[in-house]
C-alpha cells in the first residue's frame, strides 16, 4: 500500500534501498552503472558495463563493477545461445572460409544465413549479412515467407555498399537459396567468392549463428509481441542498436560501427 501511495514501482523502491545500504563512496558510480544497465535493457553484464564506463573516461576496475552490480541485484538477462544445424542438399561449393572468422579489413569476409521467428503461430524470416571484420550487419531483409526474394533482396543491398575493387568472400550454409543460379550469377557479377559450410556442420557458420543467438536472447526472448509487424519493427531497431551502440569486448569496448570508423580514420 505505501508503494501505491508514493506511486513507486517495486523495482525502483528496492533499488533505492540497496543504494542506501551501500557506502556512499560509490554512490555516483552506482548511479552510472544502473543508468547503463537500464539504457541497454539488461543486456549488459559487468564486463560490458565496465567497458562502457571506461569508454566514457572513467577508470574503474571490473571487479568493483561486478561487486556493485551484485549488491544492486543487476545481472545480464541474456539467455544461453544454442546452435541449430541446417539439413540441406549437398552442394559442390567448397568451404573456403574454413572457420577462419577473423578479417583484416572491412568487406573482406562476409557470412550469411536465415533464421525464423514465431509469434502467435505466424512466422517471420530474417536474412542478414555480417562483416567478420567487426561483426557489423551490412544489410538484411525481413519477410513473412522464406522465398528467394528474401535472400536476393539482402544480397542486392549488401553488394550496393561495396566500393570499387572490393570483392569479399561470402560464406553460407548449403541452403537452397544459396544454390540458386540467380544468386550465383549475382556473386559472379561482382566478383564475390562463394563459400559454403560442410553438410550438417553448423560450426562452419558459427559467427552468424552467434548473432542470431544474441538477437534472440537479448531481444526476442525478453519481449512479448502481439503480431509479427511489431516484431519486425523491433528487429530493425535492435539491429541499429547492435551496429551503432552495443559494445563488444573484442572490439576494444567499441560498437561495430565505432570500430570500423576508428580503423578507417587511423
C-alpha atoms as a PDB file:
ATOM      1  CA  UNK A   1       0.000   0.000   0.000  1.00  0.00           C
ATOM      2  CA  UNK A   2       2.732   2.596   0.823  1.00  0.00           C
ATOM      3  CA  UNK A   3       4.256   1.990  -2.607  1.00  0.00           C
ATOM      4  CA  UNK A   4       0.927   2.709  -4.295  1.00  0.00           C
ATOM      5  CA  UNK A   5       0.510   5.903  -2.304  1.00  0.00           C
ATOM      6  CA  UNK A   6       4.036   7.022  -3.273  1.00  0.00           C
ATOM      7  CA  UNK A   7       3.458   5.853  -6.878  1.00  0.00           C
ATOM      8  CA  UNK A   8       6.740   3.910  -6.862  1.00  0.00           C
ATOM      9  CA  UNK A   9       7.383   0.630  -8.645  1.00  0.00           C
ATOM     10  CA  UNK A  10       8.765  -2.229  -6.557  1.00  0.00           C
ATOM     11  CA  UNK A  11      11.990  -2.339  -8.599  1.00  0.00           C
ATOM     12  CA  UNK A  12      12.631   1.396  -8.070  1.00  0.00           C
ATOM     13  CA  UNK A  13      11.893   1.155  -4.348  1.00  0.00           C
ATOM     14  CA  UNK A  14      14.218  -1.790  -3.714  1.00  0.00           C
ATOM     15  CA  UNK A  15      16.903  -0.265  -5.932  1.00  0.00           C
ATOM     16  CA  UNK A  16      16.883   2.847  -3.745  1.00  0.00           C
ATOM     17  CA  UNK A  17      17.000   0.692  -0.601  1.00  0.00           C
ATOM     18  CA  UNK A  18      20.038  -1.210  -1.869  1.00  0.00           C
ATOM     19  CA  UNK A  19      21.786   2.023  -2.849  1.00  0.00           C
ATOM     20  CA  UNK A  20      21.276   3.443   0.628  1.00  0.00           C
ATOM     21  CA  UNK A  21      22.589   0.275   2.252  1.00  0.00           C
ATOM     22  CA  UNK A  22      25.911   0.520   0.403  1.00  0.00           C
ATOM     23  CA  UNK A  23      28.584   3.002   1.416  1.00  0.00           C
ATOM     24  CA  UNK A  24      28.269   6.438  -0.210  1.00  0.00           C
ATOM     25  CA  UNK A  25      31.809   6.240  -1.569  1.00  0.00           C
ATOM     26  CA  UNK A  26      30.492   4.559  -4.728  1.00  0.00           C
ATOM     27  CA  UNK A  27      27.129   6.341  -4.885  1.00  0.00           C
ATOM     28  CA  UNK A  28      27.936   8.143  -8.141  1.00  0.00           C
ATOM     29  CA  UNK A  29      29.385   5.045  -9.740  1.00  0.00           C
ATOM     30  CA  UNK A  30      26.338   3.017  -8.734  1.00  0.00           C
ATOM     31  CA  UNK A  31      24.040   5.536 -10.373  1.00  0.00           C
ATOM     32  CA  UNK A  32      26.067   5.391 -13.603  1.00  0.00           C
ATOM     33  CA  UNK A  33      26.089   1.584 -13.537  1.00  0.00           C
ATOM     34  CA  UNK A  34      22.332   1.488 -13.038  1.00  0.00           C
ATOM     35  CA  UNK A  35      21.789   4.021 -15.828  1.00  0.00           C
ATOM     36  CA  UNK A  36      23.878   1.946 -18.267  1.00  0.00           C
ATOM     37  CA  UNK A  37      22.077  -1.225 -17.247  1.00  0.00           C
ATOM     38  CA  UNK A  38      18.678   0.393 -17.863  1.00  0.00           C
ATOM     39  CA  UNK A  39      19.801   2.022 -21.119  1.00  0.00           C
ATOM     40  CA  UNK A  40      20.763  -1.361 -22.556  1.00  0.00           C
ATOM     41  CA  UNK A  41      17.650  -3.044 -21.140  1.00  0.00           C
ATOM     42  CA  UNK A  42      19.544  -5.545 -19.001  1.00  0.00           C
ATOM     43  CA  UNK A  43      21.616  -6.896 -21.881  1.00  0.00           C
ATOM     44  CA  UNK A  44      24.967  -5.876 -20.379  1.00  0.00           C
ATOM     45  CA  UNK A  45      26.821  -7.855 -17.734  1.00  0.00           C
ATOM     46  CA  UNK A  46      29.643  -6.417 -15.632  1.00  0.00           C
ATOM     47  CA  UNK A  47      32.259  -6.759 -18.403  1.00  0.00           C
ATOM     48  CA  UNK A  48      30.333  -4.608 -20.879  1.00  0.00           C
ATOM     49  CA  UNK A  49      29.286  -2.176 -18.160  1.00  0.00           C
ATOM     50  CA  UNK A  50      32.974  -1.792 -17.258  1.00  0.00           C
ATOM     51  CA  UNK A  51      33.929  -1.253 -20.906  1.00  0.00           C
ATOM     52  CA  UNK A  52      31.196   1.360 -21.342  1.00  0.00           C
ATOM     53  CA  UNK A  53      32.358   3.229 -18.247  1.00  0.00           C
ATOM     54  CA  UNK A  54      35.954   3.207 -19.450  1.00  0.00           C
ATOM     55  CA  UNK A  55      34.854   4.401 -22.879  1.00  0.00           C
ATOM     56  CA  UNK A  56      33.253   7.363 -21.104  1.00  0.00           C
ATOM     57  CA  UNK A  57      36.617   8.161 -19.498  1.00  0.00           C
ATOM     58  CA  UNK A  58      36.103   6.551 -16.098  1.00  0.00           C
ATOM     59  CA  UNK A  59      38.955   4.429 -14.756  1.00  0.00           C
ATOM     60  CA  UNK A  60      37.231   1.614 -12.917  1.00  0.00           C
ATOM     61  CA  UNK A  61      38.165  -1.969 -12.048  1.00  0.00           C
ATOM     62  CA  UNK A  62      35.917  -4.697 -13.426  1.00  0.00           C
ATOM     63  CA  UNK A  63      35.847  -6.421 -10.032  1.00  0.00           C
ATOM     64  CA  UNK A  64      34.447  -3.269  -8.445  1.00  0.00           C
ATOM     65  CA  UNK A  65      31.726  -3.087 -11.094  1.00  0.00           C
ATOM     66  CA  UNK A  66      30.935  -6.773 -10.614  1.00  0.00           C
ATOM     67  CA  UNK A  67      30.660  -6.368  -6.825  1.00  0.00           C
ATOM     68  CA  UNK A  68      28.447  -3.282  -7.065  1.00  0.00           C
ATOM     69  CA  UNK A  69      26.164  -4.934  -9.605  1.00  0.00           C
ATOM     70  CA  UNK A  70      25.795  -7.950  -7.327  1.00  0.00           C
ATOM     71  CA  UNK A  71      24.837  -5.691  -4.417  1.00  0.00           C
ATOM     72  CA  UNK A  72      22.340  -3.845  -6.608  1.00  0.00           C
ATOM     73  CA  UNK A  73      20.869  -7.089  -7.912  1.00  0.00           C
ATOM     74  CA  UNK A  74      21.752  -6.286 -11.520  1.00  0.00           C
ATOM     75  CA  UNK A  75      22.704  -9.119 -13.838  1.00  0.00           C
ATOM     76  CA  UNK A  76      22.530  -9.781 -17.538  1.00  0.00           C
ATOM     77  CA  UNK A  77      19.157 -11.102 -18.692  1.00  0.00           C
ATOM     78  CA  UNK A  78      20.649 -12.822 -21.726  1.00  0.00           C
ATOM     79  CA  UNK A  79      19.794 -16.475 -22.243  1.00  0.00           C
ATOM     80  CA  UNK A  80      22.384 -19.077 -23.296  1.00  0.00           C
ATOM     81  CA  UNK A  81      22.926 -19.335 -27.048  1.00  0.00           C
ATOM     82  CA  UNK A  82      22.268 -22.537 -28.987  1.00  0.00           C
ATOM     83  CA  UNK A  83      23.346 -23.571 -32.457  1.00  0.00           C
ATOM     84  CA  UNK A  84      20.986 -25.396 -34.771  1.00  0.00           C
ATOM     85  CA  UNK A  85      22.239 -27.466 -37.669  1.00  0.00           C
ATOM     86  CA  UNK A  86      20.860 -26.921 -41.162  1.00  0.00           C
ATOM     87  CA  UNK A  87      19.842 -30.008 -43.117  1.00  0.00           C
ATOM     88  CA  UNK A  88      20.032 -29.286 -46.826  1.00  0.00           C
ATOM     89  CA  UNK A  89      21.013 -30.879 -50.106  1.00  0.00           C
ATOM     90  CA  UNK A  90      24.755 -31.383 -50.730  1.00  0.00           C
ATOM     91  CA  UNK A  91      26.435 -28.665 -52.799  1.00  0.00           C
ATOM     92  CA  UNK A  92      29.643 -28.665 -54.819  1.00  0.00           C
ATOM     93  CA  UNK A  93      30.837 -25.289 -53.448  1.00  0.00           C
ATOM     94  CA  UNK A  94      33.875 -25.745 -51.150  1.00  0.00           C
ATOM     95  CA  UNK A  95      34.216 -24.402 -47.610  1.00  0.00           C
ATOM     96  CA  UNK A  96      36.776 -21.677 -48.297  1.00  0.00           C
ATOM     97  CA  UNK A  97      36.161 -19.852 -45.028  1.00  0.00           C
ATOM     98  CA  UNK A  98      37.223 -22.947 -43.066  1.00  0.00           C
ATOM     99  CA  UNK A  99      36.250 -21.346 -39.730  1.00  0.00           C
ATOM    100  CA  UNK A 100      38.743 -18.515 -40.197  1.00  0.00           C
ATOM    101  CA  UNK A 101      36.402 -15.954 -38.696  1.00  0.00           C
ATOM    102  CA  UNK A 102      38.943 -13.126 -38.420  1.00  0.00           C
ATOM    103  CA  UNK A 103      39.260 -10.499 -41.148  1.00  0.00           C
ATOM    104  CA  UNK A 104      41.990  -7.893 -41.589  1.00  0.00           C
ATOM    105  CA  UNK A 105      39.830  -5.217 -43.208  1.00  0.00           C
ATOM    106  CA  UNK A 106      36.170  -4.355 -43.844  1.00  0.00           C
ATOM    107  CA  UNK A 107      34.384  -6.201 -46.654  1.00  0.00           C
ATOM    108  CA  UNK A 108      36.966  -8.962 -46.800  1.00  0.00           C
ATOM    109  CA  UNK A 109      34.843 -11.795 -45.365  1.00  0.00           C
ATOM    110  CA  UNK A 110      31.056 -11.886 -45.100  1.00  0.00           C
ATOM    111  CA  UNK A 111      28.759 -14.547 -43.644  1.00  0.00           C
ATOM    112  CA  UNK A 112      25.015 -15.010 -44.073  1.00  0.00           C
ATOM    113  CA  UNK A 113      22.134 -17.271 -43.081  1.00  0.00           C
ATOM    114  CA  UNK A 114      18.372 -17.226 -42.488  1.00  0.00           C
ATOM    115  CA  UNK A 115      16.628 -17.522 -39.129  1.00  0.00           C
ATOM    116  CA  UNK A 116      12.960 -17.959 -38.223  1.00  0.00           C
ATOM    117  CA  UNK A 117      10.737 -16.295 -35.598  1.00  0.00           C
ATOM    118  CA  UNK A 118       7.294 -17.403 -34.487  1.00  0.00           C
ATOM    119  CA  UNK A 119       4.712 -15.026 -32.999  1.00  0.00           C
ATOM    120  CA  UNK A 120       1.286 -16.479 -32.164  1.00  0.00           C
ATOM    121  CA  UNK A 121       1.581 -19.046 -34.941  1.00  0.00           C
ATOM    122  CA  UNK A 122       2.767 -16.532 -37.560  1.00  0.00           C
ATOM    123  CA  UNK A 123       6.325 -16.790 -38.851  1.00  0.00           C
ATOM    124  CA  UNK A 124       8.865 -14.145 -39.775  1.00  0.00           C
ATOM    125  CA  UNK A 125      12.202 -14.721 -41.505  1.00  0.00           C
ATOM    126  CA  UNK A 126      15.390 -12.667 -41.232  1.00  0.00           C
ATOM    127  CA  UNK A 127      18.270 -12.831 -43.717  1.00  0.00           C
ATOM    128  CA  UNK A 128      21.314 -10.709 -42.735  1.00  0.00           C
ATOM    129  CA  UNK A 129      24.884 -10.337 -43.997  1.00  0.00           C
ATOM    130  CA  UNK A 130      27.588  -9.905 -41.353  1.00  0.00           C
ATOM    131  CA  UNK A 131      31.071  -8.474 -41.915  1.00  0.00           C
ATOM    132  CA  UNK A 132      33.560 -10.611 -39.984  1.00  0.00           C
ATOM    133  CA  UNK A 133      35.919  -7.650 -39.616  1.00  0.00           C
ATOM    134  CA  UNK A 134      33.788  -6.050 -36.916  1.00  0.00           C
ATOM    135  CA  UNK A 135      30.625  -8.134 -36.660  1.00  0.00           C
ATOM    136  CA  UNK A 136      28.573  -5.374 -38.307  1.00  0.00           C
ATOM    137  CA  UNK A 137      25.330  -6.279 -40.042  1.00  0.00           C
ATOM    138  CA  UNK A 138      25.978  -4.939 -43.540  1.00  0.00           C
ATOM    139  CA  UNK A 139      22.429  -5.458 -44.803  1.00  0.00           C
ATOM    140  CA  UNK A 140      19.365  -7.566 -44.119  1.00  0.00           C
ATOM    141  CA  UNK A 141      15.902  -8.457 -45.382  1.00  0.00           C
ATOM    142  CA  UNK A 142      12.804  -9.467 -43.408  1.00  0.00           C
ATOM    143  CA  UNK A 143       9.827 -11.313 -44.917  1.00  0.00           C
ATOM    144  CA  UNK A 144       6.883 -13.427 -43.860  1.00  0.00           C
ATOM    145  CA  UNK A 145       7.887 -16.253 -46.180  1.00  0.00           C
ATOM    146  CA  UNK A 146      11.322 -17.795 -46.877  1.00  0.00           C
ATOM    147  CA  UNK A 147      11.192 -17.116 -50.606  1.00  0.00           C
ATOM    148  CA  UNK A 148      14.247 -16.399 -52.754  1.00  0.00           C
ATOM    149  CA  UNK A 149      13.409 -12.693 -52.707  1.00  0.00           C
ATOM    150  CA  UNK A 150      14.358 -12.705 -49.016  1.00  0.00           C
ATOM    151  CA  UNK A 151      17.959 -13.642 -49.799  1.00  0.00           C
ATOM    152  CA  UNK A 152      18.003 -11.849 -53.145  1.00  0.00           C
ATOM    153  CA  UNK A 153      16.973  -8.546 -51.581  1.00  0.00           C
ATOM    154  CA  UNK A 154      19.552  -8.880 -48.823  1.00  0.00           C
ATOM    155  CA  UNK A 155      22.294  -9.611 -51.357  1.00  0.00           C
ATOM    156  CA  UNK A 156      21.354  -6.687 -53.595  1.00  0.00           C
ATOM    157  CA  UNK A 157      21.586  -4.222 -50.690  1.00  0.00           C
ATOM    158  CA  UNK A 158      24.884  -5.670 -49.493  1.00  0.00           C
ATOM    159  CA  UNK A 159      26.549  -5.554 -52.909  1.00  0.00           C
ATOM    160  CA  UNK A 160      25.467  -1.939 -53.365  1.00  0.00           C
ATOM    161  CA  UNK A 161      27.675  -0.987 -50.413  1.00  0.00           C
ATOM    162  CA  UNK A 162      30.875  -2.338 -51.966  1.00  0.00           C
ATOM    163  CA  UNK A 163      33.434   0.122 -53.265  1.00  0.00           C
ATOM    164  CA  UNK A 164      35.373  -0.450 -56.478  1.00  0.00           C
ATOM    165  CA  UNK A 165      37.749  -3.408 -56.326  1.00  0.00           C
ATOM    166  CA  UNK A 166      36.073  -4.799 -53.190  1.00  0.00           C
ATOM    167  CA  UNK A 167      35.111  -8.451 -53.643  1.00  0.00           C
ATOM    168  CA  UNK A 168      34.567 -10.257 -50.354  1.00  0.00           C
ATOM    169  CA  UNK A 169      34.303 -13.949 -49.705  1.00  0.00           C
ATOM    170  CA  UNK A 170      30.660 -14.703 -48.859  1.00  0.00           C
ATOM    171  CA  UNK A 171      30.034 -17.772 -46.709  1.00  0.00           C
ATOM    172  CA  UNK A 172      26.705 -19.516 -46.089  1.00  0.00           C
ATOM    173  CA  UNK A 173      25.312 -22.932 -45.298  1.00  0.00           C
ATOM    174  CA  UNK A 174      24.057 -25.239 -48.060  1.00  0.00           C
ATOM    175  CA  UNK A 175      20.558 -23.787 -48.121  1.00  0.00           C
ATOM    176  CA  UNK A 176      18.652 -23.976 -51.383  1.00  0.00           C
ATOM    177  CA  UNK A 177      18.621 -20.177 -51.717  1.00  0.00           C
ATOM    178  CA  UNK A 178      22.416 -20.044 -51.963  1.00  0.00           C
ATOM    179  CA  UNK A 179      22.448 -22.709 -54.662  1.00  0.00           C
ATOM    180  CA  UNK A 180      20.052 -20.840 -56.948  1.00  0.00           C
ATOM    181  CA  UNK A 181      21.531 -19.789 -60.324  1.00  0.00           C
ATOM    182  CA  UNK A 182      20.303 -16.208 -59.822  1.00  0.00           C
ATOM    183  CA  UNK A 183      22.207 -15.971 -56.531  1.00  0.00           C
ATOM    184  CA  UNK A 184      25.411 -17.346 -58.009  1.00  0.00           C
ATOM    185  CA  UNK A 185      25.171 -15.117 -61.081  1.00  0.00           C
ATOM    186  CA  UNK A 186      24.925 -12.063 -58.859  1.00  0.00           C
ATOM    187  CA  UNK A 187      28.008 -13.107 -56.920  1.00  0.00           C
ATOM    188  CA  UNK A 188      29.937 -13.675 -60.138  1.00  0.00           C
ATOM    189  CA  UNK A 189      28.844 -10.291 -61.497  1.00  0.00           C
ATOM    190  CA  UNK A 190      30.511  -8.548 -58.555  1.00  0.00           C
ATOM    191  CA  UNK A 191      33.457 -10.919 -58.313  1.00  0.00           C
ATOM    192  CA  UNK A 192      32.333 -12.190 -54.905  1.00  0.00           C
ATOM    193  CA  UNK A 193      33.783 -15.576 -53.952  1.00  0.00           C
ATOM    194  CA  UNK A 194      31.240 -18.121 -52.695  1.00  0.00           C
ATOM    195  CA  UNK A 195      31.935 -20.436 -49.763  1.00  0.00           C
ATOM    196  CA  UNK A 196      29.639 -22.995 -48.137  1.00  0.00           C
ATOM    197  CA  UNK A 197      29.628 -24.941 -44.896  1.00  0.00           C
ATOM    198  CA  UNK A 198      30.031 -28.678 -44.963  1.00  0.00           C
ATOM    199  CA  UNK A 199      26.775 -30.620 -44.807  1.00  0.00           C
ATOM    200  CA  UNK A 200      25.140 -30.629 -41.355  1.00  0.00           C
ATOM    201  CA  UNK A 201      28.025 -28.747 -39.724  1.00  0.00           C
ATOM    202  CA  UNK A 202      26.654 -25.623 -38.057  1.00  0.00           C
ATOM    203  CA  UNK A 203      30.022 -24.676 -36.556  1.00  0.00           C
ATOM    204  CA  UNK A 204      31.281 -23.787 -40.042  1.00  0.00           C
ATOM    205  CA  UNK A 205      28.956 -20.773 -39.902  1.00  0.00           C
ATOM    206  CA  UNK A 206      29.192 -20.137 -36.163  1.00  0.00           C
ATOM    207  CA  UNK A 207      29.686 -16.372 -36.457  1.00  0.00           C
ATOM    208  CA  UNK A 208      26.253 -15.634 -37.932  1.00  0.00           C
ATOM    209  CA  UNK A 209      24.645 -18.301 -35.734  1.00  0.00           C
ATOM    210  CA  UNK A 210      26.116 -16.461 -32.761  1.00  0.00           C
ATOM    211  CA  UNK A 211      24.482 -13.232 -33.941  1.00  0.00           C
ATOM    212  CA  UNK A 212      21.119 -14.994 -34.164  1.00  0.00           C
ATOM    213  CA  UNK A 213      21.599 -16.261 -30.619  1.00  0.00           C
ATOM    214  CA  UNK A 214      22.425 -12.760 -29.415  1.00  0.00           C
ATOM    215  CA  UNK A 215      19.442 -11.204 -31.200  1.00  0.00           C
ATOM    216  CA  UNK A 216      17.023 -13.750 -29.782  1.00  0.00           C
ATOM    217  CA  UNK A 217      18.387 -13.801 -26.251  1.00  0.00           C
ATOM    218  CA  UNK A 218      18.807 -10.018 -25.954  1.00  0.00           C
ATOM    219  CA  UNK A 219      15.602  -9.013 -27.700  1.00  0.00           C
ATOM    220  CA  UNK A 220      13.169 -11.696 -28.882  1.00  0.00           C
ATOM    221  CA  UNK A 221      13.049 -13.780 -25.687  1.00  0.00           C
ATOM    222  CA  UNK A 222      12.882 -10.730 -23.424  1.00  0.00           C
ATOM    223  CA  UNK A 223       9.764  -9.243 -25.016  1.00  0.00           C
ATOM    224  CA  UNK A 224       6.216 -10.193 -25.907  1.00  0.00           C
ATOM    225  CA  UNK A 225       4.725  -9.390 -29.292  1.00  0.00           C
ATOM    226  CA  UNK A 226       1.116  -9.054 -30.390  1.00  0.00           C
ATOM    227  CA  UNK A 227       1.924  -9.649 -34.057  1.00  0.00           C
ATOM    228  CA  UNK A 228       4.838 -10.082 -36.448  1.00  0.00           C
ATOM    229  CA  UNK A 229       4.623  -6.460 -37.619  1.00  0.00           C
ATOM    230  CA  UNK A 230       5.524  -5.421 -34.101  1.00  0.00           C
ATOM    231  CA  UNK A 231       8.396  -7.903 -34.078  1.00  0.00           C
ATOM    232  CA  UNK A 232       9.648  -6.730 -37.468  1.00  0.00           C
ATOM    233  CA  UNK A 233       9.835  -3.104 -36.318  1.00  0.00           C
ATOM    234  CA  UNK A 234      11.638  -4.226 -33.168  1.00  0.00           C
ATOM    235  CA  UNK A 235      14.214  -6.261 -35.088  1.00  0.00           C
ATOM    236  CA  UNK A 236      15.049  -3.199 -37.177  1.00  0.00           C
ATOM    237  CA  UNK A 237      15.568  -1.142 -34.029  1.00  0.00           C
ATOM    238  CA  UNK A 238      17.688  -3.861 -32.462  1.00  0.00           C
ATOM    239  CA  UNK A 239      19.973  -4.221 -35.495  1.00  0.00           C
ATOM    240  CA  UNK A 240      20.564  -0.459 -35.487  1.00  0.00           C
ATOM    241  CA  UNK A 241      21.357  -0.680 -31.772  1.00  0.00           C
ATOM    242  CA  UNK A 242      23.621  -3.695 -32.406  1.00  0.00           C
ATOM    243  CA  UNK A 243      25.599  -1.872 -35.095  1.00  0.00           C
ATOM    244  CA  UNK A 244      25.855   1.579 -33.538  1.00  0.00           C
ATOM    245  CA  UNK A 245      25.557   1.249 -29.753  1.00  0.00           C
ATOM    246  CA  UNK A 246      26.145  -2.272 -28.456  1.00  0.00           C
ATOM    247  CA  UNK A 247      29.812  -2.548 -27.497  1.00  0.00           C
ATOM    248  CA  UNK A 248      31.938  -5.665 -27.906  1.00  0.00           C
ATOM    249  CA  UNK A 249      34.800  -6.555 -25.628  1.00  0.00           C
ATOM    250  CA  UNK A 250      36.830  -7.990 -28.520  1.00  0.00           C
ATOM    251  CA  UNK A 251      36.416  -4.666 -30.374  1.00  0.00           C
ATOM    252  CA  UNK A 252      38.184  -2.825 -27.529  1.00  0.00           C
ATOM    253  CA  UNK A 253      34.898  -1.762 -25.974  1.00  0.00           C
ATOM    254  CA  UNK A 254      33.534  -0.195 -29.169  1.00  0.00           C
ATOM    255  CA  UNK A 255      30.413  -0.880 -31.212  1.00  0.00           C
ATOM    256  CA  UNK A 256      30.922  -2.385 -34.698  1.00  0.00           C
ATOM    257  CA  UNK A 257      30.415   0.975 -36.441  1.00  0.00           C
ATOM    258  CA  UNK A 258      32.639   2.803 -33.947  1.00  0.00           C
ATOM    259  CA  UNK A 259      35.368   0.222 -34.500  1.00  0.00           C
ATOM    260  CA  UNK A 260      35.139   0.482 -38.298  1.00  0.00           C
ATOM    261  CA  UNK A 261      35.166   4.282 -38.239  1.00  0.00           C
ATOM    262  CA  UNK A 262      38.154   4.334 -35.881  1.00  0.00           C
ATOM    263  CA  UNK A 263      40.086   1.971 -38.144  1.00  0.00           C
ATOM    264  CA  UNK A 264      39.292   3.988 -41.275  1.00  0.00           C
ATOM    265  CA  UNK A 265      40.377   7.217 -39.564  1.00  0.00           C
ATOM    266  CA  UNK A 266      43.727   5.775 -38.463  1.00  0.00           C
END
